[in-house]
Protein backbone atom coordinates (compact mmCIF):
# COMPACT_ATOMS: atom_id res chain seq x y z
CA UNK A 1 -26.91 56.62 -6.43
CA UNK A 2 -23.67 54.96 -5.26
CA UNK A 3 -20.15 55.53 -6.32
CA UNK A 4 -18.88 53.60 -8.94
CA UNK A 5 -15.13 52.41 -10.53
CA UNK A 6 -14.67 51.80 -14.15
CA UNK A 7 -12.08 49.89 -13.94
CA UNK A 8 -10.41 48.73 -17.00
CA UNK A 9 -6.70 46.42 -17.19
CA UNK A 10 -4.02 46.90 -19.48
CA UNK A 11 -0.78 45.79 -20.37
CA UNK A 12 1.98 46.94 -22.56
CA UNK A 13 1.01 44.75 -25.21
CA UNK A 14 -2.18 45.70 -25.24
CA UNK A 15 -1.60 49.04 -26.80
CA UNK A 16 -2.19 48.20 -30.64
CA UNK A 17 -5.73 48.46 -29.72
CA UNK A 18 -6.08 50.60 -26.69
CA UNK A 19 -5.36 53.26 -28.52
CA UNK A 20 -8.03 52.67 -30.26
CA UNK A 21 -10.62 51.18 -27.57
CA UNK A 22 -9.91 52.95 -24.40
CA UNK A 23 -11.04 56.31 -25.99
CA UNK A 24 -14.41 54.58 -27.11
CA UNK A 25 -14.90 53.05 -23.80
CA UNK A 26 -13.90 56.16 -22.03
CA UNK A 27 -16.28 58.19 -23.83
CA UNK A 28 -19.07 55.45 -23.44
CA UNK A 29 -18.78 55.34 -19.41
CA UNK A 30 -16.72 58.27 -18.34
CA UNK A 31 -19.76 60.00 -17.49
CA UNK A 32 -21.70 57.04 -15.73
CA UNK A 33 -18.96 56.40 -13.03
CA UNK A 34 -17.40 58.17 -10.26
CA UNK A 35 -14.14 57.06 -10.71
CA UNK A 36 -12.22 55.92 -13.47
CA UNK A 37 -8.75 53.59 -12.80
CA UNK A 38 -6.77 52.48 -15.44
CA UNK A 39 -4.60 49.16 -13.96
CA UNK A 40 -1.42 49.22 -15.76
CA UNK A 41 0.17 44.74 -15.31
CA UNK A 42 3.88 45.17 -15.63
CA UNK A 43 4.48 41.21 -14.50
CA UNK A 44 5.15 39.98 -18.35
CA UNK A 45 3.88 36.78 -19.47
CA UNK A 46 5.59 34.60 -21.85
CA UNK A 47 4.08 33.23 -25.06
CA UNK A 48 1.17 35.55 -26.52
CA UNK A 49 0.38 37.57 -23.73
CA UNK A 50 4.03 38.93 -24.25
CA UNK A 51 3.85 40.08 -27.90
CA UNK A 52 4.89 43.11 -28.17
CA UNK A 53 5.66 44.07 -24.46
CA UNK A 54 9.00 46.25 -24.77
CA UNK A 55 7.85 48.92 -27.47
CA UNK A 56 4.03 49.26 -26.31
CA UNK A 57 5.10 50.31 -22.63
CA UNK A 58 6.02 53.82 -23.55
CA UNK A 59 3.31 54.10 -25.89
CA UNK A 60 0.61 52.80 -23.35
CA UNK A 61 2.31 55.20 -20.58
CA UNK A 62 1.93 57.87 -22.82
CA UNK A 63 -2.04 56.96 -23.66
CA UNK A 64 -2.46 57.11 -19.94
CA UNK A 65 -1.67 59.70 -19.01
CA UNK A 66 -3.24 62.18 -21.94
CA UNK A 67 -6.44 60.15 -20.54
CA UNK A 68 -6.17 60.81 -16.85
CA UNK A 69 -5.50 64.70 -18.57
CA UNK A 70 -8.63 64.85 -20.42
CA UNK A 71 -10.87 62.97 -17.28
CA UNK A 72 -10.40 64.08 -14.33
CA UNK A 73 -11.95 61.81 -12.40
CA UNK A 74 -9.37 58.72 -14.08
CA UNK A 75 -6.05 57.78 -12.32
CA UNK A 76 -3.33 54.66 -13.20
CA UNK A 77 -2.42 52.33 -10.90
CA UNK A 78 0.31 49.26 -11.95
CA UNK A 79 -0.26 45.72 -10.10
CA UNK A 80 1.78 45.81 -7.06
CA UNK A 81 3.90 42.39 -6.63
CA UNK A 82 4.99 43.50 -3.22
CA UNK A 83 4.96 40.81 -0.43
CA UNK A 84 2.92 43.40 1.85
CA UNK A 85 0.11 43.96 -1.41
CA UNK A 86 0.22 40.53 -2.34
CA UNK A 87 -1.27 39.22 1.45
CA UNK A 88 -3.30 42.20 1.38
CA UNK A 89 -5.06 40.71 -2.08
CA UNK A 90 -5.07 37.28 -1.21
CA UNK A 91 -6.34 37.91 2.52
CA UNK A 92 -9.18 40.11 1.29
CA UNK A 93 -10.72 37.43 -1.44
CA UNK A 94 -9.55 34.43 -0.49
CA UNK A 95 -8.80 34.00 3.04
CA UNK A 96 -4.91 33.15 2.29
CA UNK A 97 -2.01 34.64 2.51
CA UNK A 98 -0.86 33.72 -1.46
CA UNK A 99 -3.02 33.84 -4.47
CA UNK A 100 -1.33 32.47 -8.08
CA UNK A 101 0.23 35.08 -10.14
CA UNK A 102 -0.63 33.60 -13.58
CA UNK A 103 -4.00 31.17 -14.47
CA UNK A 104 -2.67 27.92 -15.99
CA UNK A 105 -2.32 29.71 -20.06
CA UNK A 106 0.20 32.33 -18.25
CA UNK A 107 -2.89 34.48 -18.56
CA UNK A 108 -3.42 37.28 -15.82
CA UNK A 109 -4.98 36.37 -12.20
CA UNK A 110 -3.40 38.32 -9.01
CA UNK A 111 -3.81 41.61 -11.15
CA UNK A 112 -7.54 40.96 -12.03
CA UNK A 113 -7.92 41.06 -8.07
CA UNK A 114 -5.49 43.46 -7.06
CA UNK A 115 -8.05 46.07 -9.44
CA UNK A 116 -10.82 45.27 -7.70
CA UNK A 117 -8.97 45.90 -4.52
CA UNK A 118 -7.56 49.31 -5.48
CA UNK A 119 -11.02 50.40 -6.81
CA UNK A 120 -12.32 53.06 -4.29
CA UNK A 121 -15.75 52.25 -4.57
CA UNK A 122 -17.72 48.80 -3.35
CA UNK A 123 -19.05 48.80 -7.03
CA UNK A 124 -16.77 48.00 -9.67
CA UNK A 125 -17.98 47.58 -13.30
CA UNK A 126 -14.50 45.82 -14.80
CA UNK A 127 -13.82 45.78 -18.81
CA UNK A 128 -10.75 44.07 -20.50
CA UNK A 129 -8.81 46.81 -22.49
CA UNK A 130 -10.24 44.96 -26.04
CA UNK A 131 -13.90 45.04 -24.88
CA UNK A 132 -16.17 47.30 -27.73
CA UNK A 133 -19.68 48.03 -27.07
CA UNK A 134 -22.77 49.19 -29.17
CA UNK A 135 -26.01 51.10 -28.44
CA UNK A 136 -24.60 53.34 -26.39
CA UNK A 137 -26.85 53.88 -23.91
CA UNK A 138 -25.72 56.39 -21.26
CA UNK A 139 -27.90 55.44 -18.30
CA UNK A 140 -27.18 51.05 -17.89
CA UNK A 141 -24.68 51.53 -15.19
CA UNK A 142 -27.56 52.81 -13.10
CA UNK A 143 -30.07 50.38 -14.46
CA UNK A 144 -27.78 47.85 -13.72
CA UNK A 145 -27.20 48.93 -10.37
CA UNK A 146 -31.03 48.53 -9.22
CA UNK A 147 -30.45 44.63 -10.89
CA UNK A 148 -27.42 44.22 -8.31
CA UNK A 149 -29.64 45.25 -5.52
CA UNK A 150 -31.22 42.00 -5.45
CA UNK A 151 -30.36 39.69 -2.86
CA UNK A 152 -30.08 36.81 -5.22
CA UNK A 153 -27.62 38.50 -7.87
CA UNK A 154 -24.04 38.10 -8.30
CA UNK A 155 -23.11 40.33 -11.04
CA UNK A 156 -24.20 42.42 -13.97
CA UNK A 157 -22.56 42.46 -17.47
CA UNK A 158 -24.00 43.81 -20.86
CA UNK A 159 -26.07 42.12 -23.23
CA UNK A 160 -23.82 39.62 -24.96
CA UNK A 161 -23.59 40.09 -28.52
CA UNK A 162 -25.85 42.88 -30.77
CA UNK A 163 -29.33 41.97 -29.70
CA UNK A 164 -31.40 40.09 -32.26
CA UNK A 165 -34.95 40.34 -33.51
CA UNK A 166 -36.22 37.30 -31.53
CA UNK A 167 -33.91 38.55 -28.36
CA UNK A 168 -32.09 35.44 -28.25
CA UNK A 169 -28.88 34.25 -27.03
CA UNK A 170 -28.19 31.64 -29.22
CA UNK A 171 -24.33 30.75 -27.57
CA UNK A 172 -25.71 31.13 -23.98
CA UNK A 173 -26.87 28.70 -21.48
CA UNK A 174 -29.43 31.45 -21.40
CA UNK A 175 -32.89 31.57 -19.45
CA UNK A 176 -35.60 35.17 -19.54
CA UNK A 177 -35.31 36.61 -15.81
CA UNK A 178 -39.24 37.90 -15.48
CA UNK A 179 -38.75 40.42 -13.14
CA UNK A 180 -36.55 42.92 -15.69
CA UNK A 181 -37.61 43.42 -19.56
CA UNK A 182 -35.31 41.24 -21.77
CA UNK A 183 -32.58 40.25 -18.83
CA UNK A 184 -31.24 36.90 -18.68
CA UNK A 185 -30.19 34.19 -16.17
CA UNK A 186 -26.45 32.62 -17.85
CA UNK A 187 -25.18 30.21 -16.30
CA UNK A 188 -21.10 30.91 -16.82
CA UNK A 189 -19.14 34.20 -15.72
CA UNK A 190 -17.34 35.70 -17.99
CA UNK A 191 -13.66 38.52 -16.59
CA UNK A 192 -14.05 40.19 -20.00
CA UNK A 193 -16.71 42.61 -18.63
CA UNK A 194 -18.62 42.50 -15.51
CA UNK A 195 -20.26 44.77 -12.49
CA UNK A 196 -20.42 43.63 -9.38
CA UNK A 197 -20.37 44.43 -5.42
CA UNK A 198 -16.79 44.07 -3.97
CA UNK A 199 -17.76 44.11 -0.25
CA UNK A 200 -20.24 41.66 -0.92
CA UNK A 201 -18.24 39.61 -2.68
CA UNK A 202 -15.64 39.93 -0.05
CA UNK A 203 -18.43 39.54 2.63
CA UNK A 204 -20.34 36.58 1.91
CA UNK A 205 -19.92 33.02 2.29
CA UNK A 206 -17.91 30.66 1.22
CA UNK A 207 -14.91 32.77 0.52
CA UNK A 208 -13.60 32.40 -3.01
CA UNK A 209 -10.57 29.32 -3.54
CA UNK A 210 -7.93 29.14 -4.93
CA UNK A 211 -8.02 25.98 -6.94
CA UNK A 212 -6.36 23.44 -10.12
CA UNK A 213 -7.46 22.90 -13.48
CA UNK A 214 -7.39 19.53 -14.38
CA UNK A 215 -7.32 17.30 -18.08
CA UNK A 216 -6.40 18.60 -21.20
CA UNK A 217 -5.23 22.09 -19.29
CA UNK A 218 -3.66 21.02 -16.88
CA UNK A 219 -1.41 18.84 -19.61
CA UNK A 220 -1.21 21.82 -21.15
CA UNK A 221 0.19 24.22 -18.41
CA UNK A 222 1.99 21.85 -16.96
CA UNK A 223 4.11 21.46 -20.96
CA UNK A 224 3.97 25.33 -21.41
CA UNK A 225 5.81 25.61 -17.44
CA UNK A 226 2.67 27.56 -15.82
CA UNK A 227 1.18 26.18 -12.45
CA UNK A 228 -2.70 24.81 -13.70
CA UNK A 229 -4.35 27.09 -11.69
CA UNK A 230 -8.16 27.73 -12.71
CA UNK A 231 -8.61 30.54 -14.60
CA UNK A 232 -10.18 33.94 -12.34
CA UNK A 233 -13.47 33.46 -14.08
CA UNK A 234 -14.09 30.09 -12.45
CA UNK A 235 -13.37 30.98 -9.39
CA UNK A 236 -15.59 33.59 -9.57
CA UNK A 237 -18.25 31.18 -11.00
CA UNK A 238 -17.44 28.39 -8.09
CA UNK A 239 -18.30 31.29 -5.51
CA UNK A 240 -21.58 32.28 -7.86
CA UNK A 241 -22.76 28.78 -8.21
CA UNK A 242 -22.00 28.31 -4.36
CA UNK A 243 -23.87 31.31 -3.37
CA UNK A 244 -26.94 30.18 -5.22
CA UNK A 245 -26.39 33.83 -6.59
CA UNK A 246 -26.89 35.03 -10.74
CA UNK A 247 -25.61 36.35 -13.34
CA UNK A 248 -27.63 38.97 -15.26
CA UNK A 249 -26.93 40.09 -18.56
CA UNK A 250 -29.09 42.69 -19.63
CA UNK A 251 -29.72 45.36 -23.43
CA UNK A 252 -31.19 47.92 -20.57
CA UNK A 253 -33.61 50.46 -21.40
CA UNK A 254 -33.21 51.89 -25.51
CA UNK A 255 -30.80 52.25 -26.63
CA UNK A 256 -29.63 49.13 -24.72
CA UNK A 257 -25.99 47.95 -24.54
CA UNK A 258 -24.46 45.36 -25.58
CA UNK A 259 -21.04 43.90 -25.96
CA UNK A 260 -18.39 42.63 -28.06
CA UNK A 261 -15.58 40.50 -27.85
CA UNK A 262 -12.36 40.14 -30.73
CA UNK A 263 -11.09 36.84 -30.41
CA UNK A 264 -8.18 37.24 -32.81
CA UNK A 265 -6.21 40.29 -32.81
CA UNK A 266 -4.50 39.88 -36.06
CA UNK A 267 -2.60 42.71 -38.80
CA UNK A 268 -6.28 42.55 -40.69
CA UNK A 269 -8.09 43.58 -37.24
CA UNK A 270 -5.88 46.61 -36.41
CA UNK A 271 -6.25 47.69 -39.62
CA UNK A 272 -10.06 48.10 -39.79
CA UNK A 273 -10.11 48.65 -36.27
CA UNK A 274 -11.09 52.56 -36.19
CA UNK A 275 -13.84 51.60 -39.23
CA UNK A 276 -15.06 49.48 -36.90
CA UNK A 277 -15.76 51.38 -33.46
CA UNK A 278 -17.59 53.66 -36.01
CA UNK A 279 -19.79 51.17 -37.86
CA UNK A 280 -20.11 49.69 -34.34
CA UNK A 281 -20.68 53.11 -32.17
CA UNK A 282 -23.13 53.77 -35.13
CA UNK A 283 -25.02 50.41 -35.10
CA UNK A 284 -24.18 49.41 -38.69
CA UNK A 285 -24.88 45.68 -37.57
CA UNK A 286 -25.24 43.14 -40.33
CA UNK A 287 -28.02 40.48 -38.77
CA UNK A 288 -25.31 37.58 -39.08
CA UNK A 289 -23.48 39.41 -36.07
CA UNK A 290 -26.68 39.82 -34.10
CA UNK A 291 -26.12 37.42 -30.72
CA UNK A 292 -22.55 36.48 -31.24
CA UNK A 293 -20.17 37.83 -28.94
CA UNK A 294 -17.24 37.71 -30.89
CA UNK A 295 -16.54 39.60 -33.47
CA UNK A 296 -17.17 37.45 -36.97
CA UNK A 297 -16.30 38.49 -40.27
CA UNK A 298 -20.00 39.09 -41.28
CA UNK A 299 -19.37 42.33 -39.74
CA UNK A 300 -16.92 43.10 -42.86
CA UNK A 301 -18.99 41.84 -45.64
CA UNK A 302 -17.69 42.65 -48.94
CA UNK A 303 -20.81 44.61 -50.24
CA UNK A 304 -20.52 46.92 -46.83
CA UNK A 305 -19.74 50.24 -47.73
CA UNK A 306 -16.28 52.29 -46.69
CA UNK A 307 -13.36 50.95 -45.85
CA UNK A 308 -13.93 48.42 -42.91
CA UNK A 309 -14.57 46.05 -45.82
CA UNK A 310 -11.02 43.15 -45.87
CA UNK A 311 -9.61 42.27 -48.88
CA UNK A 312 -9.92 39.02 -49.70
CA UNK A 313 -6.29 37.69 -49.20
CA UNK A 314 -6.53 38.58 -45.49
CA UNK A 315 -9.66 36.68 -44.14
CA UNK A 316 -7.88 34.23 -43.38
CA UNK A 317 -5.28 35.66 -41.12
CA UNK A 318 -8.62 38.17 -39.42
CA UNK A 319 -10.26 34.82 -39.08
CA UNK A 320 -7.89 32.95 -37.23
CA UNK A 321 -7.89 30.16 -39.87
C-alpha cells in the first residue's frame, strides 16, 4: 500500500478544542497512516484567528509533546517562514518565489502549503484541528487511495455530515458517481479535510495560481488591513476545474466514515465537547443532524440523555445567534 501522512494543522488559539479533538482524530486515523505530522503555525493573526494565543501556546506545546510520546510515528514541526522556506514552497506549488502568508480574512494560507511541503509522503490526508469524525472505519484511507488512483480524481474526503437514510447530501452541489457505491462528485473544494497526492498536485498543469478575491470579500479585507488574496480552497478548486478533475466524497464500507465541523466554538461548545465526541463516536446522532456537515443544535436535543444537553440560556451562545 502507498505510504500516507496524516497532517493536522494547529495554532496556539486551537488549544481549547484541540485538547479533546486531537486525541479523537489520532484514535480514528493513527493506525491507517505511516506518518503523523502535527504542524503548528506560530505566526499570529489579528482578530478571531488569534484569540487565546498567548495562554494557549505552552498548553499546545505540552499536548503535542504528549501525542508524540504516545504515537511513535508522530512528529511536530513549526511553520517555517524563513525566506528560503517560503521560496521553496512557492516554487514547488505555484511556480513563483513568493506565497501569501494570510488570506483575505487573515486566515492561514502559506501554512497549508508548507504543511504539504513538510510531509514525507506524497499521499497527504489533511485535517483542520477542529474536525470531528463518526463511523469509525479503519479501512477508509485504503479505500480512498484506490479511488484517488483514478486519473480523473483530484482529491477524496469522508462523507460531509452523518449519512441520511435516503443517502442525500442536501447542503452540497453533489452528484452520485456510479463507479464507487455511495460516492459523490462535489463541485466545491474544502481545506478542512482532504486526501491528495502531493506529487501529482505539483506535477500536473496548470500549476496553482495566486489570485485575488473581489467584491465584498476584497472590500472587507482592505478595511481590516489584509491583502485580498483568495482563500486556499479557492486556489485548489480552480486548479481542480482547470485540470478537469473531481473531488470525491464517500462514506465507504461499513461502518463508514463521515465528518462534522463545529462552526461556532463558544463557551457552550467547549463545555459539552468531551460528551459530544463520545456521542459522535458511538453513533448517537439525531435525524435532524444527518446530512448536515455543520454541527447543529439538534445534536443536543433536550430529550437526549446525559450531560450533553445545553441549558436553554446557553443555546443562543452555541448557535451563534
